[in-house]
């Protein structure tokens, strides 16, 4: 009985932490009036314990590095910059792929990096404050570093109006114009049962009144996966076109954990095992491990080091 109670408690802990993890995505897709912040999640407990220096030595060997952030954590963003700087020091050909910018604004990013636009113009013309709404200063130092060192920056995200439309009306509602900046509908794959279950738990927790509404959940799932697939396509396209570059992906940890969101979809496009990939999450030493045998990421970066 004690063991059963403990197991029940562990399952509850896992569900609660995953709900916190995905709260930001849920708030966007369900069109809440304000953006919620994803809370730091538990230590994913990789197979071994690595120092940050050990992690860096592994990252410089990878073709694609995923850095899963908590969007409003200044420590996460400082660590991201430190990782990018070290990778660039060891290999000058680094590209930064960012969830924070939508694909239609790639030319604006390019203009800023080429010195044709000011930082203020970049913020305005990418509609950053309207579409992302987290402090610009979280990401500004990374973009300044990219500009100073002539590093490409890839705008990954789906246009927000398309995401909203899918969340409310489904993929079938999209017009030819809507589809210009997303992958073909046939590539929007919602067949990962574990990912579906994880998102269902999140959805049910936050939308109790809609628990029985399977159509509403399917649209929520489609919107989440559309976001993942669009970012994955952007990354895969860059890797294919620029085989001598390493790509560092900055995205919310909900898109990175277990490889369900972006990583598995990039791998599907590039070919399983075709490139070396590493994933990093950020957490504090006081975090509690989740009761799972499957690590959420390859490494956990400790801010205390």
C-alpha atoms as a PDB file:
ATOM      1  CA  UNK A   1       0.000   0.000   0.000  1.00  0.00           C
ATOM      2  CA  UNK A   2       2.859   2.353   0.855  1.00  0.00           C
ATOM      3  CA  UNK A   3       4.536   1.576  -2.486  1.00  0.00           C
ATOM      4  CA  UNK A   4       1.298   2.204  -4.351  1.00  0.00           C
ATOM      5  CA  UNK A   5       0.814   5.515  -2.582  1.00  0.00           C
ATOM      6  CA  UNK A   6       4.385   6.524  -3.398  1.00  0.00           C
ATOM      7  CA  UNK A   7       3.905   5.599  -7.060  1.00  0.00           C
ATOM      8  CA  UNK A   8       0.701   7.608  -7.203  1.00  0.00           C
ATOM      9  CA  UNK A   9       2.490  10.575  -5.656  1.00  0.00           C
ATOM     10  CA  UNK A  10       5.315  10.311  -8.201  1.00  0.00           C
ATOM     11  CA  UNK A  11       2.890  10.245 -11.119  1.00  0.00           C
ATOM     12  CA  UNK A  12       1.157  13.308  -9.723  1.00  0.00           C
ATOM     13  CA  UNK A  13       4.504  15.096  -9.368  1.00  0.00           C
ATOM     14  CA  UNK A  14       5.411  14.301 -12.966  1.00  0.00           C
ATOM     15  CA  UNK A  15       2.091  15.518 -14.322  1.00  0.00           C
ATOM     16  CA  UNK A  16       2.243  18.718 -12.283  1.00  0.00           C
ATOM     17  CA  UNK A  17       5.737  19.587 -13.482  1.00  0.00           C
ATOM     18  CA  UNK A  18       4.899  18.884 -17.111  1.00  0.00           C
ATOM     19  CA  UNK A  19       1.836  21.094 -16.773  1.00  0.00           C
ATOM     20  CA  UNK A  20       4.039  23.908 -15.496  1.00  0.00           C
ATOM     21  CA  UNK A  21       6.482  23.274 -18.307  1.00  0.00           C
ATOM     22  CA  UNK A  22       3.888  23.634 -21.058  1.00  0.00           C
ATOM     23  CA  UNK A  23       1.857  26.456 -19.522  1.00  0.00           C
ATOM     24  CA  UNK A  24       3.329  29.049 -21.850  1.00  0.00           C
ATOM     25  CA  UNK A  25       2.457  27.177 -25.032  1.00  0.00           C
ATOM     26  CA  UNK A  26      -1.031  26.487 -23.733  1.00  0.00           C
ATOM     27  CA  UNK A  27      -1.680  30.128 -22.944  1.00  0.00           C
ATOM     28  CA  UNK A  28      -0.660  31.179 -26.446  1.00  0.00           C
ATOM     29  CA  UNK A  29      -2.585  28.512 -28.286  1.00  0.00           C
ATOM     30  CA  UNK A  30      -5.766  28.970 -26.280  1.00  0.00           C
ATOM     31  CA  UNK A  31      -5.581  32.709 -26.921  1.00  0.00           C
ATOM     32  CA  UNK A  32      -5.314  33.929 -23.379  1.00  0.00           C
ATOM     33  CA  UNK A  33      -5.089  37.684 -23.044  1.00  0.00           C
ATOM     34  CA  UNK A  34      -1.679  37.597 -21.383  1.00  0.00           C
ATOM     35  CA  UNK A  35       1.354  35.367 -21.761  1.00  0.00           C
ATOM     36  CA  UNK A  36       1.996  32.982 -18.880  1.00  0.00           C
ATOM     37  CA  UNK A  37       5.555  32.131 -17.922  1.00  0.00           C
ATOM     38  CA  UNK A  38       6.734  28.558 -17.852  1.00  0.00           C
ATOM     39  CA  UNK A  39       8.128  27.668 -14.445  1.00  0.00           C
ATOM     40  CA  UNK A  40      11.522  25.979 -14.065  1.00  0.00           C
ATOM     41  CA  UNK A  41      11.136  22.244 -14.259  1.00  0.00           C
ATOM     42  CA  UNK A  42      12.840  19.401 -12.509  1.00  0.00           C
ATOM     43  CA  UNK A  43      16.295  18.071 -13.188  1.00  0.00           C
ATOM     44  CA  UNK A  44      15.977  15.633 -16.113  1.00  0.00           C
ATOM     45  CA  UNK A  45      18.631  13.336 -14.580  1.00  0.00           C
ATOM     46  CA  UNK A  46      20.737  12.258 -17.573  1.00  0.00           C
ATOM     47  CA  UNK A  47      22.651   9.004 -17.244  1.00  0.00           C
ATOM     48  CA  UNK A  48      25.790  10.728 -15.934  1.00  0.00           C
ATOM     49  CA  UNK A  49      26.642  13.932 -14.125  1.00  0.00           C
ATOM     50  CA  UNK A  50      28.695  16.382 -16.180  1.00  0.00           C
ATOM     51  CA  UNK A  51      30.351  19.663 -15.314  1.00  0.00           C
ATOM     52  CA  UNK A  52      29.522  22.629 -17.515  1.00  0.00           C
ATOM     53  CA  UNK A  53      33.008  22.380 -19.025  1.00  0.00           C
ATOM     54  CA  UNK A  54      32.377  18.725 -19.863  1.00  0.00           C
ATOM     55  CA  UNK A  55      29.118  19.729 -21.522  1.00  0.00           C
ATOM     56  CA  UNK A  56      30.819  22.399 -23.623  1.00  0.00           C
ATOM     57  CA  UNK A  57      33.365  19.910 -24.896  1.00  0.00           C
ATOM     58  CA  UNK A  58      30.527  17.687 -26.082  1.00  0.00           C
ATOM     59  CA  UNK A  59      28.537  20.508 -27.647  1.00  0.00           C
ATOM     60  CA  UNK A  60      31.376  21.702 -29.865  1.00  0.00           C
ATOM     61  CA  UNK A  61      31.363  18.272 -31.541  1.00  0.00           C
ATOM     62  CA  UNK A  62      27.664  18.375 -32.450  1.00  0.00           C
ATOM     63  CA  UNK A  63      26.072  19.571 -35.675  1.00  0.00           C
ATOM     64  CA  UNK A  64      22.875  20.728 -33.922  1.00  0.00           C
ATOM     65  CA  UNK A  65      22.672  21.865 -30.300  1.00  0.00           C
ATOM     66  CA  UNK A  66      19.285  22.449 -28.656  1.00  0.00           C
ATOM     67  CA  UNK A  67      19.246  24.829 -25.692  1.00  0.00           C
ATOM     68  CA  UNK A  68      15.865  24.503 -23.972  1.00  0.00           C
ATOM     69  CA  UNK A  69      15.103  27.650 -22.013  1.00  0.00           C
ATOM     70  CA  UNK A  70      12.644  29.012 -19.526  1.00  0.00           C
ATOM     71  CA  UNK A  71      11.725  32.178 -21.401  1.00  0.00           C
ATOM     72  CA  UNK A  72      11.810  34.583 -18.460  1.00  0.00           C
ATOM     73  CA  UNK A  73      14.989  33.215 -16.850  1.00  0.00           C
ATOM     74  CA  UNK A  74      17.839  35.699 -17.215  1.00  0.00           C
ATOM     75  CA  UNK A  75      20.241  32.985 -16.055  1.00  0.00           C
ATOM     76  CA  UNK A  76      19.185  30.731 -18.908  1.00  0.00           C
ATOM     77  CA  UNK A  77      19.853  33.480 -21.437  1.00  0.00           C
ATOM     78  CA  UNK A  78      23.235  34.303 -19.922  1.00  0.00           C
ATOM     79  CA  UNK A  79      24.167  30.628 -20.137  1.00  0.00           C
ATOM     80  CA  UNK A  80      22.985  30.459 -23.746  1.00  0.00           C
ATOM     81  CA  UNK A  81      25.227  33.374 -24.657  1.00  0.00           C
ATOM     82  CA  UNK A  82      28.200  31.793 -22.857  1.00  0.00           C
ATOM     83  CA  UNK A  83      27.667  28.518 -24.740  1.00  0.00           C
ATOM     84  CA  UNK A  84      27.323  30.283 -28.090  1.00  0.00           C
ATOM     85  CA  UNK A  85      30.464  32.329 -27.442  1.00  0.00           C
ATOM     86  CA  UNK A  86      32.517  29.247 -26.606  1.00  0.00           C
ATOM     87  CA  UNK A  87      31.213  27.307 -29.596  1.00  0.00           C
ATOM     88  CA  UNK A  88      31.971  30.252 -31.866  1.00  0.00           C
ATOM     89  CA  UNK A  89      35.473  30.520 -30.413  1.00  0.00           C
ATOM     90  CA  UNK A  90      36.176  26.916 -31.280  1.00  0.00           C
ATOM     91  CA  UNK A  91      34.338  26.895 -34.600  1.00  0.00           C
ATOM     92  CA  UNK A  92      33.635  30.200 -36.298  1.00  0.00           C
ATOM     93  CA  UNK A  93      30.811  28.822 -38.416  1.00  0.00           C
ATOM     94  CA  UNK A  94      27.910  28.958 -35.976  1.00  0.00           C
ATOM     95  CA  UNK A  95      24.285  29.772 -36.783  1.00  0.00           C
ATOM     96  CA  UNK A  96      21.711  30.689 -34.139  1.00  0.00           C
ATOM     97  CA  UNK A  97      18.154  29.463 -34.693  1.00  0.00           C
ATOM     98  CA  UNK A  98      15.570  31.345 -32.632  1.00  0.00           C
ATOM     99  CA  UNK A  99      11.983  30.520 -31.741  1.00  0.00           C
ATOM    100  CA  UNK A 100      11.480  34.179 -30.830  1.00  0.00           C
ATOM    101  CA  UNK A 101      11.246  35.342 -34.457  1.00  0.00           C
ATOM    102  CA  UNK A 102       8.674  34.333 -37.061  1.00  0.00           C
ATOM    103  CA  UNK A 103       9.699  33.087 -40.496  1.00  0.00           C
ATOM    104  CA  UNK A 104       8.219  35.978 -42.520  1.00  0.00           C
ATOM    105  CA  UNK A 105      10.688  38.318 -40.788  1.00  0.00           C
ATOM    106  CA  UNK A 106      13.884  36.523 -41.869  1.00  0.00           C
ATOM    107  CA  UNK A 107      14.791  39.376 -44.214  1.00  0.00           C
ATOM    108  CA  UNK A 108      14.465  41.853 -41.341  1.00  0.00           C
ATOM    109  CA  UNK A 109      16.861  39.807 -39.215  1.00  0.00           C
ATOM    110  CA  UNK A 110      19.261  39.640 -42.151  1.00  0.00           C
ATOM    111  CA  UNK A 111      19.059  43.395 -42.537  1.00  0.00           C
ATOM    112  CA  UNK A 112      19.941  43.957 -38.897  1.00  0.00           C
ATOM    113  CA  UNK A 113      22.865  41.527 -39.044  1.00  0.00           C
ATOM    114  CA  UNK A 114      24.155  43.296 -42.174  1.00  0.00           C
ATOM    115  CA  UNK A 115      24.083  46.652 -40.395  1.00  0.00           C
ATOM    116  CA  UNK A 116      21.253  48.025 -42.516  1.00  0.00           C
ATOM    117  CA  UNK A 117      18.795  48.260 -39.615  1.00  0.00           C
ATOM    118  CA  UNK A 118      19.151  49.503 -36.065  1.00  0.00           C
ATOM    119  CA  UNK A 119      18.194  47.382 -33.093  1.00  0.00           C
ATOM    120  CA  UNK A 120      15.102  49.523 -32.594  1.00  0.00           C
ATOM    121  CA  UNK A 121      14.080  48.915 -36.205  1.00  0.00           C
ATOM    122  CA  UNK A 122      14.640  45.193 -35.751  1.00  0.00           C
ATOM    123  CA  UNK A 123      12.296  45.101 -32.764  1.00  0.00           C
ATOM    124  CA  UNK A 124       9.652  47.134 -34.556  1.00  0.00           C
ATOM    125  CA  UNK A 125       9.771  45.441 -37.945  1.00  0.00           C
ATOM    126  CA  UNK A 126       9.769  41.880 -36.549  1.00  0.00           C
ATOM    127  CA  UNK A 127       6.780  42.817 -34.352  1.00  0.00           C
ATOM    128  CA  UNK A 128       8.776  41.378 -31.470  1.00  0.00           C
ATOM    129  CA  UNK A 129       6.842  43.084 -28.684  1.00  0.00           C
ATOM    130  CA  UNK A 130       3.496  42.037 -30.114  1.00  0.00           C
ATOM    131  CA  UNK A 131       4.364  38.436 -30.947  1.00  0.00           C
ATOM    132  CA  UNK A 132       6.813  37.426 -28.219  1.00  0.00           C
ATOM    133  CA  UNK A 133       6.401  39.928 -25.378  1.00  0.00           C
ATOM    134  CA  UNK A 134       9.262  38.743 -23.172  1.00  0.00           C
ATOM    135  CA  UNK A 135      11.879  41.368 -22.372  1.00  0.00           C
ATOM    136  CA  UNK A 136      13.989  42.271 -25.392  1.00  0.00           C
ATOM    137  CA  UNK A 137      17.046  42.453 -23.156  1.00  0.00           C
ATOM    138  CA  UNK A 138      16.859  38.692 -22.607  1.00  0.00           C
ATOM    139  CA  UNK A 139      17.887  38.162 -26.231  1.00  0.00           C
ATOM    140  CA  UNK A 140      19.560  41.424 -27.266  1.00  0.00           C
ATOM    141  CA  UNK A 141      23.082  40.437 -26.080  1.00  0.00           C
ATOM    142  CA  UNK A 142      22.916  37.244 -28.171  1.00  0.00           C
ATOM    143  CA  UNK A 143      21.819  39.151 -31.267  1.00  0.00           C
ATOM    144  CA  UNK A 144      24.493  41.785 -30.730  1.00  0.00           C
ATOM    145  CA  UNK A 145      27.085  39.039 -30.491  1.00  0.00           C
ATOM    146  CA  UNK A 146      25.757  37.502 -33.715  1.00  0.00           C
ATOM    147  CA  UNK A 147      25.988  40.841 -35.485  1.00  0.00           C
ATOM    148  CA  UNK A 148      29.500  41.578 -34.233  1.00  0.00           C
ATOM    149  CA  UNK A 149      30.719  38.157 -35.343  1.00  0.00           C
ATOM    150  CA  UNK A 150      28.696  37.897 -38.549  1.00  0.00           C
ATOM    151  CA  UNK A 151      26.774  34.822 -37.409  1.00  0.00           C
ATOM    152  CA  UNK A 152      23.575  33.876 -39.262  1.00  0.00           C
ATOM    153  CA  UNK A 153      20.356  33.985 -37.240  1.00  0.00           C
ATOM    154  CA  UNK A 154      17.422  31.851 -38.359  1.00  0.00           C
ATOM    155  CA  UNK A 155      13.832  32.936 -37.742  1.00  0.00           C
ATOM    156  CA  UNK A 156      12.103  29.677 -36.819  1.00  0.00           C
ATOM    157  CA  UNK A 157       8.562  30.345 -35.778  1.00  0.00           C
ATOM    158  CA  UNK A 158       5.159  30.023 -37.376  1.00  0.00           C
ATOM    159  CA  UNK A 159       3.329  33.310 -38.055  1.00  0.00           C
ATOM    160  CA  UNK A 160       1.213  33.951 -34.964  1.00  0.00           C
ATOM    161  CA  UNK A 161      -1.961  34.539 -36.962  1.00  0.00           C
ATOM    162  CA  UNK A 162      -1.615  31.072 -38.490  1.00  0.00           C
ATOM    163  CA  UNK A 163      -1.040  29.435 -35.119  1.00  0.00           C
ATOM    164  CA  UNK A 164      -4.104  31.174 -33.688  1.00  0.00           C
ATOM    165  CA  UNK A 165      -6.217  30.112 -36.634  1.00  0.00           C
ATOM    166  CA  UNK A 166      -5.214  26.465 -36.253  1.00  0.00           C
ATOM    167  CA  UNK A 167      -5.846  26.567 -32.497  1.00  0.00           C
ATOM    168  CA  UNK A 168      -9.378  27.837 -33.043  1.00  0.00           C
ATOM    169  CA  UNK A 169     -10.376  26.310 -36.397  1.00  0.00           C
ATOM    170  CA  UNK A 170      -7.946  23.481 -37.180  1.00  0.00           C
ATOM    171  CA  UNK A 171      -5.469  22.831 -39.991  1.00  0.00           C
ATOM    172  CA  UNK A 172      -8.312  22.366 -42.453  1.00  0.00           C
ATOM    173  CA  UNK A 173      -9.143  26.072 -42.153  1.00  0.00           C
ATOM    174  CA  UNK A 174      -5.822  27.259 -43.607  1.00  0.00           C
ATOM    175  CA  UNK A 175      -5.802  29.018 -46.964  1.00  0.00           C
ATOM    176  CA  UNK A 176      -3.048  28.968 -49.576  1.00  0.00           C
ATOM    177  CA  UNK A 177      -1.811  32.273 -48.180  1.00  0.00           C
ATOM    178  CA  UNK A 178      -1.705  30.849 -44.647  1.00  0.00           C
ATOM    179  CA  UNK A 179       0.407  27.925 -45.855  1.00  0.00           C
ATOM    180  CA  UNK A 180       3.214  30.029 -47.333  1.00  0.00           C
ATOM    181  CA  UNK A 181       5.368  29.964 -44.192  1.00  0.00           C
ATOM    182  CA  UNK A 182       4.637  26.480 -42.857  1.00  0.00           C
ATOM    183  CA  UNK A 183       5.530  22.939 -43.975  1.00  0.00           C
ATOM    184  CA  UNK A 184       3.131  20.966 -46.191  1.00  0.00           C
ATOM    185  CA  UNK A 185       0.104  19.785 -44.225  1.00  0.00           C
ATOM    186  CA  UNK A 186       1.165  16.170 -44.838  1.00  0.00           C
ATOM    187  CA  UNK A 187       4.267  16.853 -42.715  1.00  0.00           C
ATOM    188  CA  UNK A 188       2.327  18.068 -39.661  1.00  0.00           C
ATOM    189  CA  UNK A 189       2.613  14.768 -37.792  1.00  0.00           C
ATOM    190  CA  UNK A 190       0.494  14.260 -34.663  1.00  0.00           C
ATOM    191  CA  UNK A 191       1.156  10.529 -34.354  1.00  0.00           C
ATOM    192  CA  UNK A 192       3.558  10.560 -31.373  1.00  0.00           C
ATOM    193  CA  UNK A 193       1.381   8.891 -28.719  1.00  0.00           C
ATOM    194  CA  UNK A 194       3.581   9.926 -25.765  1.00  0.00           C
ATOM    195  CA  UNK A 195       3.642  13.563 -26.882  1.00  0.00           C
ATOM    196  CA  UNK A 196      -0.111  13.485 -27.398  1.00  0.00           C
ATOM    197  CA  UNK A 197      -0.644  12.117 -23.892  1.00  0.00           C
ATOM    198  CA  UNK A 198       1.650  14.710 -22.343  1.00  0.00           C
ATOM    199  CA  UNK A 199      -0.189  17.544 -24.054  1.00  0.00           C
ATOM    200  CA  UNK A 200      -3.562  16.033 -23.216  1.00  0.00           C
ATOM    201  CA  UNK A 201      -2.697  16.136 -19.502  1.00  0.00           C
ATOM    202  CA  UNK A 202      -1.731  19.780 -19.837  1.00  0.00           C
ATOM    203  CA  UNK A 203      -4.852  20.615 -21.803  1.00  0.00           C
ATOM    204  CA  UNK A 204      -7.205  18.891 -19.390  1.00  0.00           C
ATOM    205  CA  UNK A 205      -5.634  20.534 -16.363  1.00  0.00           C
ATOM    206  CA  UNK A 206      -6.071  24.029 -17.803  1.00  0.00           C
ATOM    207  CA  UNK A 207      -9.343  23.508 -19.638  1.00  0.00           C
ATOM    208  CA  UNK A 208     -11.460  21.448 -17.268  1.00  0.00           C
ATOM    209  CA  UNK A 209     -14.685  22.521 -18.914  1.00  0.00           C
ATOM    210  CA  UNK A 210     -13.431  21.240 -22.289  1.00  0.00           C
ATOM    211  CA  UNK A 211     -12.231  17.819 -21.194  1.00  0.00           C
ATOM    212  CA  UNK A 212     -14.881  16.089 -23.216  1.00  0.00           C
ATOM    213  CA  UNK A 213     -14.363  18.249 -26.289  1.00  0.00           C
ATOM    214  CA  UNK A 214     -12.093  16.110 -28.454  1.00  0.00           C
ATOM    215  CA  UNK A 215     -12.257  18.569 -31.360  1.00  0.00           C
ATOM    216  CA  UNK A 216     -10.907  21.413 -29.233  1.00  0.00           C
ATOM    217  CA  UNK A 217      -8.021  19.268 -28.009  1.00  0.00           C
ATOM    218  CA  UNK A 218      -7.188  18.080 -31.518  1.00  0.00           C
ATOM    219  CA  UNK A 219      -6.925  21.685 -32.647  1.00  0.00           C
ATOM    220  CA  UNK A 220      -4.736  22.519 -29.672  1.00  0.00           C
ATOM    221  CA  UNK A 221      -2.517  19.544 -30.540  1.00  0.00           C
ATOM    222  CA  UNK A 222      -2.371  20.560 -34.195  1.00  0.00           C
ATOM    223  CA  UNK A 223      -1.301  24.069 -33.236  1.00  0.00           C
ATOM    224  CA  UNK A 224       1.454  22.793 -30.945  1.00  0.00           C
ATOM    225  CA  UNK A 225       2.751  20.345 -33.564  1.00  0.00           C
ATOM    226  CA  UNK A 226       2.518  22.949 -36.330  1.00  0.00           C
ATOM    227  CA  UNK A 227       4.804  25.131 -34.230  1.00  0.00           C
ATOM    228  CA  UNK A 228       7.260  22.240 -33.770  1.00  0.00           C
ATOM    229  CA  UNK A 229       7.192  21.175 -37.425  1.00  0.00           C
ATOM    230  CA  UNK A 230       7.705  24.708 -38.733  1.00  0.00           C
ATOM    231  CA  UNK A 231      10.747  25.241 -36.536  1.00  0.00           C
ATOM    232  CA  UNK A 232      12.093  21.790 -37.436  1.00  0.00           C
ATOM    233  CA  UNK A 233      11.730  22.489 -41.151  1.00  0.00           C
ATOM    234  CA  UNK A 234      13.606  25.782 -40.806  1.00  0.00           C
ATOM    235  CA  UNK A 235      16.491  24.077 -39.016  1.00  0.00           C
ATOM    236  CA  UNK A 236      16.668  21.143 -41.447  1.00  0.00           C
ATOM    237  CA  UNK A 237      16.634  23.437 -44.464  1.00  0.00           C
ATOM    238  CA  UNK A 238      19.541  25.458 -43.094  1.00  0.00           C
ATOM    239  CA  UNK A 239      21.587  22.361 -42.233  1.00  0.00           C
ATOM    240  CA  UNK A 240      21.109  20.933 -45.723  1.00  0.00           C
ATOM    241  CA  UNK A 241      22.069  24.233 -47.369  1.00  0.00           C
ATOM    242  CA  UNK A 242      25.004  24.919 -45.019  1.00  0.00           C
ATOM    243  CA  UNK A 243      26.639  21.577 -44.137  1.00  0.00           C
ATOM    244  CA  UNK A 244      29.757  23.240 -42.711  1.00  0.00           C
ATOM    245  CA  UNK A 245      27.813  25.152 -40.027  1.00  0.00           C
ATOM    246  CA  UNK A 246      26.869  24.179 -36.508  1.00  0.00           C
ATOM    247  CA  UNK A 247      23.372  25.268 -35.479  1.00  0.00           C
ATOM    248  CA  UNK A 248      22.469  26.347 -31.958  1.00  0.00           C
ATOM    249  CA  UNK A 249      18.705  26.282 -31.391  1.00  0.00           C
ATOM    250  CA  UNK A 250      17.155  28.575 -28.780  1.00  0.00           C
ATOM    251  CA  UNK A 251      13.628  27.438 -27.913  1.00  0.00           C
ATOM    252  CA  UNK A 252      11.386  26.835 -24.944  1.00  0.00           C
ATOM    253  CA  UNK A 253      12.170  23.611 -23.134  1.00  0.00           C
ATOM    254  CA  UNK A 254       8.677  22.305 -23.894  1.00  0.00           C
ATOM    255  CA  UNK A 255       9.792  22.017 -27.541  1.00  0.00           C
ATOM    256  CA  UNK A 256      12.947  20.113 -26.576  1.00  0.00           C
ATOM    257  CA  UNK A 257      12.170  17.615 -23.786  1.00  0.00           C
ATOM    258  CA  UNK A 258      12.406  13.949 -24.715  1.00  0.00           C
ATOM    259  CA  UNK A 259      13.003  15.071 -28.314  1.00  0.00           C
ATOM    260  CA  UNK A 260       9.240  15.064 -28.897  1.00  0.00           C
ATOM    261  CA  UNK A 261       8.872  18.589 -30.245  1.00  0.00           C
ATOM    262  CA  UNK A 262      11.605  19.903 -32.516  1.00  0.00           C
ATOM    263  CA  UNK A 263      14.489  17.358 -32.367  1.00  0.00           C
ATOM    264  CA  UNK A 264      12.651  14.259 -33.614  1.00  0.00           C
ATOM    265  CA  UNK A 265      11.122  16.259 -36.459  1.00  0.00           C
ATOM    266  CA  UNK A 266      14.481  17.630 -37.566  1.00  0.00           C
ATOM    267  CA  UNK A 267      15.863  14.088 -37.471  1.00  0.00           C
ATOM    268  CA  UNK A 268      12.973  12.852 -39.602  1.00  0.00           C
ATOM    269  CA  UNK A 269      13.852  15.425 -42.264  1.00  0.00           C
ATOM    270  CA  UNK A 270      17.617  14.898 -42.197  1.00  0.00           C
ATOM    271  CA  UNK A 271      17.640  11.143 -41.681  1.00  0.00           C
ATOM    272  CA  UNK A 272      17.994   9.240 -38.429  1.00  0.00           C
ATOM    273  CA  UNK A 273      21.562   9.387 -37.178  1.00  0.00           C
ATOM    274  CA  UNK A 274      22.754  11.520 -40.101  1.00  0.00           C
ATOM    275  CA  UNK A 275      24.085  14.317 -37.877  1.00  0.00           C
ATOM    276  CA  UNK A 276      25.307  14.493 -34.292  1.00  0.00           C
ATOM    277  CA  UNK A 277      22.779  16.215 -32.026  1.00  0.00           C
ATOM    278  CA  UNK A 278      22.942  17.288 -28.372  1.00  0.00           C
ATOM    279  CA  UNK A 279      20.284  18.825 -26.126  1.00  0.00           C
ATOM    280  CA  UNK A 280      20.726  20.920 -22.999  1.00  0.00           C
ATOM    281  CA  UNK A 281      18.246  22.070 -20.395  1.00  0.00           C
ATOM    282  CA  UNK A 282      18.922  24.588 -17.641  1.00  0.00           C
ATOM    283  CA  UNK A 283      18.048  23.956 -14.012  1.00  0.00           C
ATOM    284  CA  UNK A 284      19.201  24.750 -10.487  1.00  0.00           C
ATOM    285  CA  UNK A 285      20.884  22.260  -8.125  1.00  0.00           C
ATOM    286  CA  UNK A 286      17.825  22.270  -5.840  1.00  0.00           C
ATOM    287  CA  UNK A 287      15.480  20.892  -8.506  1.00  0.00           C
ATOM    288  CA  UNK A 288      13.830  17.539  -7.842  1.00  0.00           C
ATOM    289  CA  UNK A 289      14.262  14.740 -10.401  1.00  0.00           C
ATOM    290  CA  UNK A 290      11.208  13.589 -12.277  1.00  0.00           C
ATOM    291  CA  UNK A 291      10.192   9.950 -11.714  1.00  0.00           C
ATOM    292  CA  UNK A 292      11.038   8.700 -15.185  1.00  0.00           C
ATOM    293  CA  UNK A 293      13.641   6.390 -16.663  1.00  0.00           C
ATOM    294  CA  UNK A 294      13.863   8.425 -19.853  1.00  0.00           C
ATOM    295  CA  UNK A 295      16.101  11.514 -19.633  1.00  0.00           C
ATOM    296  CA  UNK A 296      14.549  14.719 -20.874  1.00  0.00           C
ATOM    297  CA  UNK A 297      17.801  15.883 -22.440  1.00  0.00           C
ATOM    298  CA  UNK A 298      21.406  14.868 -22.980  1.00  0.00           C
ATOM    299  CA  UNK A 299      22.734  17.361 -20.452  1.00  0.00           C
ATOM    300  CA  UNK A 300      21.654  19.684 -17.644  1.00  0.00           C
ATOM    301  CA  UNK A 301      23.529  22.968 -17.299  1.00  0.00           C
ATOM    302  CA  UNK A 302      24.035  24.166 -13.740  1.00  0.00           C
ATOM    303  CA  UNK A 303      23.954  27.917 -13.232  1.00  0.00           C
ATOM    304  CA  UNK A 304      25.854  27.577  -9.962  1.00  0.00           C
ATOM    305  CA  UNK A 305      29.125  26.502 -11.608  1.00  0.00           C
END
